[in-house]
PDB file of all heavy atoms in Angstrom:
ATOM      1  N   VAL A   1       2.916 -29.815  13.271  1.00  0.00           N
ATOM      2  CA  VAL A   1       2.952 -28.799  12.217  1.00  0.00           C
ATOM      3  C   VAL A   1       2.224 -27.560  12.718  1.00  0.00           C
ATOM      4  O   VAL A   1       1.131 -27.656  13.292  1.00  0.00           O
ATOM      5  CB  VAL A   1       2.293 -29.298  10.915  1.00  0.00           C
ATOM      6  CG1 VAL A   1       2.223 -28.175   9.884  1.00  0.00           C
ATOM      7  CG2 VAL A   1       3.059 -30.485  10.347  1.00  0.00           C
ATOM      8  N   LEU A   2       2.837 -26.420  12.538  1.00  0.00           N
ATOM      9  CA  LEU A   2       2.215 -25.145  12.908  1.00  0.00           C
ATOM     10  C   LEU A   2       1.933 -24.339  11.656  1.00  0.00           C
ATOM     11  O   LEU A   2       2.837 -24.050  10.871  1.00  0.00           O
ATOM     12  CB  LEU A   2       3.135 -24.340  13.830  1.00  0.00           C
ATOM     13  CG  LEU A   2       2.680 -22.910  14.146  1.00  0.00           C
ATOM     14  CD1 LEU A   2       1.319 -22.904  14.822  1.00  0.00           C
ATOM     15  CD2 LEU A   2       3.713 -22.190  15.005  1.00  0.00           C
ATOM     16  N   VAL A   3       0.673 -23.986  11.456  1.00  0.00           N
ATOM     17  CA  VAL A   3       0.269 -23.153  10.319  1.00  0.00           C
ATOM     18  C   VAL A   3       0.233 -21.705  10.782  1.00  0.00           C
ATOM     19  O   VAL A   3      -0.519 -21.353  11.692  1.00  0.00           O
ATOM     20  CB  VAL A   3      -1.109 -23.573   9.777  1.00  0.00           C
ATOM     21  CG1 VAL A   3      -1.534 -22.658   8.636  1.00  0.00           C
ATOM     22  CG2 VAL A   3      -1.079 -25.025   9.319  1.00  0.00           C
ATOM     23  N   ALA A   4       1.060 -20.869  10.151  1.00  0.00           N
ATOM     24  CA  ALA A   4       1.136 -19.450  10.523  1.00  0.00           C
ATOM     25  C   ALA A   4       1.315 -18.622   9.255  1.00  0.00           C
ATOM     26  O   ALA A   4       2.221 -17.796   9.159  1.00  0.00           O
ATOM     27  CB  ALA A   4       2.279 -19.208  11.495  1.00  0.00           C
ATOM     28  N   VAL A   5       0.435 -18.868   8.281  1.00  0.00           N
ATOM     29  CA  VAL A   5       0.603 -18.262   6.956  1.00  0.00           C
ATOM     30  C   VAL A   5      -0.032 -16.880   6.835  1.00  0.00           C
ATOM     31  O   VAL A   5       0.155 -16.189   5.826  1.00  0.00           O
ATOM     32  CB  VAL A   5       0.032 -19.181   5.858  1.00  0.00           C
ATOM     33  CG1 VAL A   5       0.841 -20.462   5.763  1.00  0.00           C
ATOM     34  CG2 VAL A   5      -1.438 -19.511   6.113  1.00  0.00           C
ATOM     35  N   GLY A   6      -0.812 -16.459   7.844  1.00  0.00           N
ATOM     36  CA  GLY A   6      -1.361 -15.112   7.823  1.00  0.00           C
ATOM     37  C   GLY A   6      -2.382 -14.897   6.729  1.00  0.00           C
ATOM     38  O   GLY A   6      -3.045 -15.828   6.263  1.00  0.00           O
ATOM     39  N   GLY A   7      -2.519 -13.649   6.313  1.00  0.00           N
ATOM     40  CA  GLY A   7      -3.502 -13.282   5.299  1.00  0.00           C
ATOM     41  C   GLY A   7      -2.951 -12.241   4.348  1.00  0.00           C
ATOM     42  O   GLY A   7      -1.868 -11.692   4.560  1.00  0.00           O
ATOM     43  N   ARG A   8      -3.716 -11.981   3.302  1.00  0.00           N
ATOM     44  CA  ARG A   8      -3.339 -10.980   2.301  1.00  0.00           C
ATOM     45  C   ARG A   8      -4.539 -10.085   1.992  1.00  0.00           C
ATOM     46  O   ARG A   8      -5.694 -10.498   2.138  1.00  0.00           O
ATOM     47  CB  ARG A   8      -2.880 -11.677   1.015  1.00  0.00           C
ATOM     48  CG  ARG A   8      -1.641 -12.544   1.163  1.00  0.00           C
ATOM     49  CD  ARG A   8      -0.373 -11.741   1.281  1.00  0.00           C
ATOM     50  NE  ARG A   8      -0.023 -11.055   0.059  1.00  0.00           N
ATOM     51  CZ  ARG A   8       0.701 -11.592  -0.935  1.00  0.00           C
ATOM     52  NH1 ARG A   8       1.153 -12.846  -0.822  1.00  0.00           N
ATOM     53  NH2 ARG A   8       1.005 -10.897  -2.004  1.00  0.00           N
ATOM     54  N   PRO A   9      -4.295  -8.852   1.550  1.00  0.00           N
ATOM     55  CA  PRO A   9      -5.405  -7.956   1.212  1.00  0.00           C
ATOM     56  C   PRO A   9      -6.274  -8.544   0.100  1.00  0.00           C
ATOM     57  O   PRO A   9      -5.793  -9.265  -0.780  1.00  0.00           O
ATOM     58  CB  PRO A   9      -4.696  -6.686   0.723  1.00  0.00           C
ATOM     59  CG  PRO A   9      -3.327  -6.755   1.294  1.00  0.00           C
ATOM     60  CD  PRO A   9      -2.980  -8.209   1.365  1.00  0.00           C
ATOM     61  N   TYR A  10      -7.534  -8.206   0.174  1.00  0.00           N
ATOM     62  CA  TYR A  10      -8.535  -8.745  -0.752  1.00  0.00           C
ATOM     63  C   TYR A  10      -8.983  -7.651  -1.715  1.00  0.00           C
ATOM     64  O   TYR A  10      -9.319  -6.535  -1.298  1.00  0.00           O
ATOM     65  CB  TYR A  10      -9.722  -9.269   0.061  1.00  0.00           C
ATOM     66  CG  TYR A  10     -10.957  -9.557  -0.735  1.00  0.00           C
ATOM     67  CD1 TYR A  10     -11.023 -10.650  -1.601  1.00  0.00           C
ATOM     68  CD2 TYR A  10     -12.093  -8.756  -0.609  1.00  0.00           C
ATOM     69  CE1 TYR A  10     -12.173 -10.925  -2.319  1.00  0.00           C
ATOM     70  CE2 TYR A  10     -13.250  -9.019  -1.315  1.00  0.00           C
ATOM     71  CZ  TYR A  10     -13.288 -10.106  -2.164  1.00  0.00           C
ATOM     72  OH  TYR A  10     -14.428 -10.377  -2.878  1.00  0.00           O
ATOM     73  N   ILE A  11      -8.984  -7.952  -3.005  1.00  0.00           N
ATOM     74  CA  ILE A  11      -9.557  -7.068  -4.019  1.00  0.00           C
ATOM     75  C   ILE A  11     -10.723  -7.811  -4.654  1.00  0.00           C
ATOM     76  O   ILE A  11     -10.535  -8.902  -5.206  1.00  0.00           O
ATOM     77  CB  ILE A  11      -8.536  -6.676  -5.105  1.00  0.00           C
ATOM     78  CG1 ILE A  11      -7.337  -5.948  -4.494  1.00  0.00           C
ATOM     79  CG2 ILE A  11      -9.200  -5.785  -6.164  1.00  0.00           C
ATOM     80  CD1 ILE A  11      -6.289  -5.546  -5.513  1.00  0.00           C
ATOM     81  N   PRO A  12     -11.933  -7.266  -4.587  1.00  0.00           N
ATOM     82  CA  PRO A  12     -13.094  -7.986  -5.125  1.00  0.00           C
ATOM     83  C   PRO A  12     -13.002  -8.167  -6.636  1.00  0.00           C
ATOM     84  O   PRO A  12     -12.776  -7.200  -7.372  1.00  0.00           O
ATOM     85  CB  PRO A  12     -14.278  -7.097  -4.735  1.00  0.00           C
ATOM     86  CG  PRO A  12     -13.691  -5.746  -4.494  1.00  0.00           C
ATOM     87  CD  PRO A  12     -12.304  -5.971  -3.994  1.00  0.00           C
ATOM     88  N   ARG A  13     -13.173  -9.386  -7.081  1.00  0.00           N
ATOM     89  CA  ARG A  13     -13.087  -9.687  -8.513  1.00  0.00           C
ATOM     90  C   ARG A  13     -14.342  -9.310  -9.280  1.00  0.00           C
ATOM     91  O   ARG A  13     -14.330  -9.315 -10.517  1.00  0.00           O
ATOM     92  CB  ARG A  13     -12.759 -11.173  -8.706  1.00  0.00           C
ATOM     93  CG  ARG A  13     -11.380 -11.547  -8.183  1.00  0.00           C
ATOM     94  CD  ARG A  13     -10.973 -12.957  -8.555  1.00  0.00           C
ATOM     95  NE  ARG A  13      -9.578 -13.193  -8.190  1.00  0.00           N
ATOM     96  CZ  ARG A  13      -8.538 -12.872  -8.941  1.00  0.00           C
ATOM     97  NH1 ARG A  13      -8.743 -12.301 -10.120  1.00  0.00           N
ATOM     98  NH2 ARG A  13      -7.307 -13.114  -8.548  1.00  0.00           N
ATOM     99  N   ASP A  14     -15.412  -8.990  -8.539  1.00  0.00           N
ATOM    100  CA  ASP A  14     -16.646  -8.616  -9.234  1.00  0.00           C
ATOM    101  C   ASP A  14     -16.721  -7.128  -9.549  1.00  0.00           C
ATOM    102  O   ASP A  14     -17.732  -6.647 -10.066  1.00  0.00           O
ATOM    103  CB  ASP A  14     -17.869  -9.046  -8.420  1.00  0.00           C
ATOM    104  CG  ASP A  14     -17.909  -8.418  -7.029  1.00  0.00           C
ATOM    105  OD1 ASP A  14     -16.906  -7.792  -6.636  1.00  0.00           O
ATOM    106  OD2 ASP A  14     -18.938  -8.560  -6.347  1.00  0.00           O
ATOM    107  N   VAL A  15     -15.658  -6.375  -9.231  1.00  0.00           N
ATOM    108  CA  VAL A  15     -15.576  -4.964  -9.614  1.00  0.00           C
ATOM    109  C   VAL A  15     -14.666  -4.868 -10.832  1.00  0.00           C
ATOM    110  O   VAL A  15     -13.446  -5.050 -10.723  1.00  0.00           O
ATOM    111  CB  VAL A  15     -15.009  -4.094  -8.470  1.00  0.00           C
ATOM    112  CG1 VAL A  15     -14.860  -2.644  -8.922  1.00  0.00           C
ATOM    113  CG2 VAL A  15     -15.900  -4.180  -7.242  1.00  0.00           C
ATOM    114  N   PRO A  16     -15.217  -4.621 -12.018  1.00  0.00           N
ATOM    115  CA  PRO A  16     -14.394  -4.587 -13.236  1.00  0.00           C
ATOM    116  C   PRO A  16     -13.227  -3.625 -13.116  1.00  0.00           C
ATOM    117  O   PRO A  16     -13.385  -2.486 -12.694  1.00  0.00           O
ATOM    118  CB  PRO A  16     -15.389  -4.125 -14.315  1.00  0.00           C
ATOM    119  CG  PRO A  16     -16.730  -4.532 -13.793  1.00  0.00           C
ATOM    120  CD  PRO A  16     -16.647  -4.381 -12.295  1.00  0.00           C
ATOM    121  N   GLY A  17     -12.048  -4.106 -13.452  1.00  0.00           N
ATOM    122  CA  GLY A  17     -10.844  -3.286 -13.459  1.00  0.00           C
ATOM    123  C   GLY A  17     -10.117  -3.213 -12.136  1.00  0.00           C
ATOM    124  O   GLY A  17      -8.968  -2.757 -12.088  1.00  0.00           O
ATOM    125  N   ALA A  18     -10.731  -3.667 -11.043  1.00  0.00           N
ATOM    126  CA  ALA A  18     -10.120  -3.496  -9.726  1.00  0.00           C
ATOM    127  C   ALA A  18      -8.842  -4.313  -9.588  1.00  0.00           C
ATOM    128  O   ALA A  18      -7.808  -3.795  -9.145  1.00  0.00           O
ATOM    129  CB  ALA A  18     -11.117  -3.867  -8.630  1.00  0.00           C
ATOM    130  N   VAL A  19      -8.878  -5.585  -9.935  1.00  0.00           N
ATOM    131  CA  VAL A  19      -7.702  -6.440  -9.776  1.00  0.00           C
ATOM    132  C   VAL A  19      -6.553  -5.948 -10.650  1.00  0.00           C
ATOM    133  O   VAL A  19      -5.386  -5.966 -10.247  1.00  0.00           O
ATOM    134  CB  VAL A  19      -8.052  -7.904 -10.115  1.00  0.00           C
ATOM    135  CG1 VAL A  19      -6.802  -8.772 -10.126  1.00  0.00           C
ATOM    136  CG2 VAL A  19      -9.063  -8.449  -9.111  1.00  0.00           C
ATOM    137  N   GLU A  20      -6.880  -5.482 -11.843  1.00  0.00           N
ATOM    138  CA  GLU A  20      -5.844  -5.064 -12.789  1.00  0.00           C
ATOM    139  C   GLU A  20      -5.248  -3.698 -12.452  1.00  0.00           C
ATOM    140  O   GLU A  20      -4.052  -3.464 -12.676  1.00  0.00           O
ATOM    141  CB  GLU A  20      -6.429  -5.005 -14.217  1.00  0.00           C
ATOM    142  CG  GLU A  20      -6.894  -6.337 -14.771  1.00  0.00           C
ATOM    143  CD  GLU A  20      -8.271  -6.756 -14.258  1.00  0.00           C
ATOM    144  OE1 GLU A  20      -8.962  -5.908 -13.627  1.00  0.00           O
ATOM    145  OE2 GLU A  20      -8.646  -7.923 -14.474  1.00  0.00           O
ATOM    146  N   LEU A  21      -6.058  -2.778 -11.913  1.00  0.00           N
ATOM    147  CA  LEU A  21      -5.622  -1.388 -11.794  1.00  0.00           C
ATOM    148  C   LEU A  21      -5.369  -0.920 -10.367  1.00  0.00           C
ATOM    149  O   LEU A  21      -4.630   0.045 -10.159  1.00  0.00           O
ATOM    150  CB  LEU A  21      -6.672  -0.463 -12.438  1.00  0.00           C
ATOM    151  CG  LEU A  21      -6.949  -0.708 -13.926  1.00  0.00           C
ATOM    152  CD1 LEU A  21      -8.029   0.240 -14.419  1.00  0.00           C
ATOM    153  CD2 LEU A  21      -5.684  -0.548 -14.745  1.00  0.00           C
ATOM    154  N   ALA A  22      -5.979  -1.565  -9.393  1.00  0.00           N
ATOM    155  CA  ALA A  22      -5.825  -1.109  -8.007  1.00  0.00           C
ATOM    156  C   ALA A  22      -4.580  -1.706  -7.364  1.00  0.00           C
ATOM    157  O   ALA A  22      -4.081  -2.750  -7.788  1.00  0.00           O
ATOM    158  CB  ALA A  22      -7.064  -1.481  -7.192  1.00  0.00           C
ATOM    159  N   VAL A  23      -4.092  -1.042  -6.337  1.00  0.00           N
ATOM    160  CA  VAL A  23      -3.016  -1.569  -5.508  1.00  0.00           C
ATOM    161  C   VAL A  23      -3.583  -1.799  -4.112  1.00  0.00           C
ATOM    162  O   VAL A  23      -4.703  -1.386  -3.796  1.00  0.00           O
ATOM    163  CB  VAL A  23      -1.806  -0.614  -5.438  1.00  0.00           C
ATOM    164  CG1 VAL A  23      -1.225  -0.392  -6.820  1.00  0.00           C
ATOM    165  CG2 VAL A  23      -2.173   0.711  -4.772  1.00  0.00           C
ATOM    166  N   THR A  24      -2.816  -2.470  -3.266  1.00  0.00           N
ATOM    167  CA  THR A  24      -3.177  -2.668  -1.868  1.00  0.00           C
ATOM    168  C   THR A  24      -1.989  -2.261  -1.005  1.00  0.00           C
ATOM    169  O   THR A  24      -0.966  -1.789  -1.515  1.00  0.00           O
ATOM    170  CB  THR A  24      -3.540  -4.140  -1.585  1.00  0.00           C
ATOM    171  OG1 THR A  24      -2.348  -4.933  -1.694  1.00  0.00           O
ATOM    172  CG2 THR A  24      -4.599  -4.651  -2.550  1.00  0.00           C
ATOM    173  N   SER A  25      -2.103  -2.500   0.291  1.00  0.00           N
ATOM    174  CA  SER A  25      -0.966  -2.239   1.174  1.00  0.00           C
ATOM    175  C   SER A  25       0.221  -3.142   0.826  1.00  0.00           C
ATOM    176  O   SER A  25       1.351  -2.837   1.213  1.00  0.00           O
ATOM    177  CB  SER A  25      -1.375  -2.432   2.633  1.00  0.00           C
ATOM    178  OG  SER A  25      -1.935  -3.719   2.841  1.00  0.00           O
ATOM    179  N   ASP A  26      -0.012  -4.237   0.105  1.00  0.00           N
ATOM    180  CA  ASP A  26       1.093  -5.076  -0.369  1.00  0.00           C
ATOM    181  C   ASP A  26       1.984  -4.341  -1.369  1.00  0.00           C
ATOM    182  O   ASP A  26       3.141  -4.716  -1.568  1.00  0.00           O
ATOM    183  CB  ASP A  26       0.557  -6.352  -1.040  1.00  0.00           C
ATOM    184  CG  ASP A  26       0.159  -7.411  -0.030  1.00  0.00           C
ATOM    185  OD1 ASP A  26       0.308  -7.174   1.178  1.00  0.00           O
ATOM    186  OD2 ASP A  26      -0.320  -8.482  -0.461  1.00  0.00           O
ATOM    187  N   ASP A  27       1.420  -3.315  -2.028  1.00  0.00           N
ATOM    188  CA  ASP A  27       2.142  -2.605  -3.089  1.00  0.00           C
ATOM    189  C   ASP A  27       2.539  -1.183  -2.710  1.00  0.00           C
ATOM    190  O   ASP A  27       3.545  -0.665  -3.201  1.00  0.00           O
ATOM    191  CB  ASP A  27       1.259  -2.534  -4.352  1.00  0.00           C
ATOM    192  CG  ASP A  27       0.636  -3.857  -4.721  1.00  0.00           C
ATOM    193  OD1 ASP A  27       1.380  -4.770  -5.106  1.00  0.00           O
ATOM    194  OD2 ASP A  27      -0.599  -3.980  -4.604  1.00  0.00           O
ATOM    195  N   LEU A  28       1.745  -0.554  -1.847  1.00  0.00           N
ATOM    196  CA  LEU A  28       1.885   0.884  -1.617  1.00  0.00           C
ATOM    197  C   LEU A  28       3.248   1.269  -1.076  1.00  0.00           C
ATOM    198  O   LEU A  28       3.829   2.285  -1.472  1.00  0.00           O
ATOM    199  CB  LEU A  28       0.788   1.347  -0.647  1.00  0.00           C
ATOM    200  CG  LEU A  28       0.725   2.840  -0.347  1.00  0.00           C
ATOM    201  CD1 LEU A  28       0.477   3.641  -1.625  1.00  0.00           C
ATOM    202  CD2 LEU A  28      -0.371   3.132   0.683  1.00  0.00           C
ATOM    203  N   PHE A  29       3.809   0.459  -0.174  1.00  0.00           N
ATOM    204  CA  PHE A  29       5.055   0.839   0.496  1.00  0.00           C
ATOM    205  C   PHE A  29       6.288   0.681  -0.394  1.00  0.00           C
ATOM    206  O   PHE A  29       7.377   1.095  -0.010  1.00  0.00           O
ATOM    207  CB  PHE A  29       5.230   0.034   1.770  1.00  0.00           C
ATOM    208  CG  PHE A  29       4.078   0.195   2.729  1.00  0.00           C
ATOM    209  CD1 PHE A  29       3.252  -0.871   3.029  1.00  0.00           C
ATOM    210  CD2 PHE A  29       3.816   1.420   3.309  1.00  0.00           C
ATOM    211  CE1 PHE A  29       2.186  -0.721   3.905  1.00  0.00           C
ATOM    212  CE2 PHE A  29       2.747   1.585   4.185  1.00  0.00           C
ATOM    213  CZ  PHE A  29       1.931   0.511   4.477  1.00  0.00           C
ATOM    214  N   SER A  30       6.115   0.078  -1.563  1.00  0.00           N
ATOM    215  CA  SER A  30       7.225  -0.036  -2.514  1.00  0.00           C
ATOM    216  C   SER A  30       6.879   0.614  -3.847  1.00  0.00           C
ATOM    217  O   SER A  30       7.584   0.405  -4.840  1.00  0.00           O
ATOM    218  CB  SER A  30       7.593  -1.509  -2.732  1.00  0.00           C
ATOM    219  OG  SER A  30       6.488  -2.240  -3.230  1.00  0.00           O
ATOM    220  N   LEU A  31       5.829   1.402  -3.886  1.00  0.00           N
ATOM    221  CA  LEU A  31       5.368   2.031  -5.127  1.00  0.00           C
ATOM    222  C   LEU A  31       6.452   2.960  -5.675  1.00  0.00           C
ATOM    223  O   LEU A  31       6.890   3.888  -4.992  1.00  0.00           O
ATOM    224  CB  LEU A  31       4.085   2.809  -4.854  1.00  0.00           C
ATOM    225  CG  LEU A  31       3.191   3.159  -6.040  1.00  0.00           C
ATOM    226  CD1 LEU A  31       2.632   1.894  -6.682  1.00  0.00           C
ATOM    227  CD2 LEU A  31       2.054   4.068  -5.579  1.00  0.00           C
ATOM    228  N   SER A  32       6.882   2.700  -6.894  1.00  0.00           N
ATOM    229  CA  SER A  32       8.011   3.447  -7.448  1.00  0.00           C
ATOM    230  C   SER A  32       7.631   4.854  -7.892  1.00  0.00           C
ATOM    231  O   SER A  32       8.485   5.734  -7.963  1.00  0.00           O
ATOM    232  CB  SER A  32       8.622   2.685  -8.630  1.00  0.00           C
ATOM    233  OG  SER A  32       7.659   2.499  -9.656  1.00  0.00           O
TER     234      SER A  32
END
């Protein structure tokens, strides 16, 4: 078995509003 799942951008959950309101590079390139 080969694990090659990579990683994803991290948004700190201890910053109020960050997870709900911020985007990352996962979102920016398709931002409408």
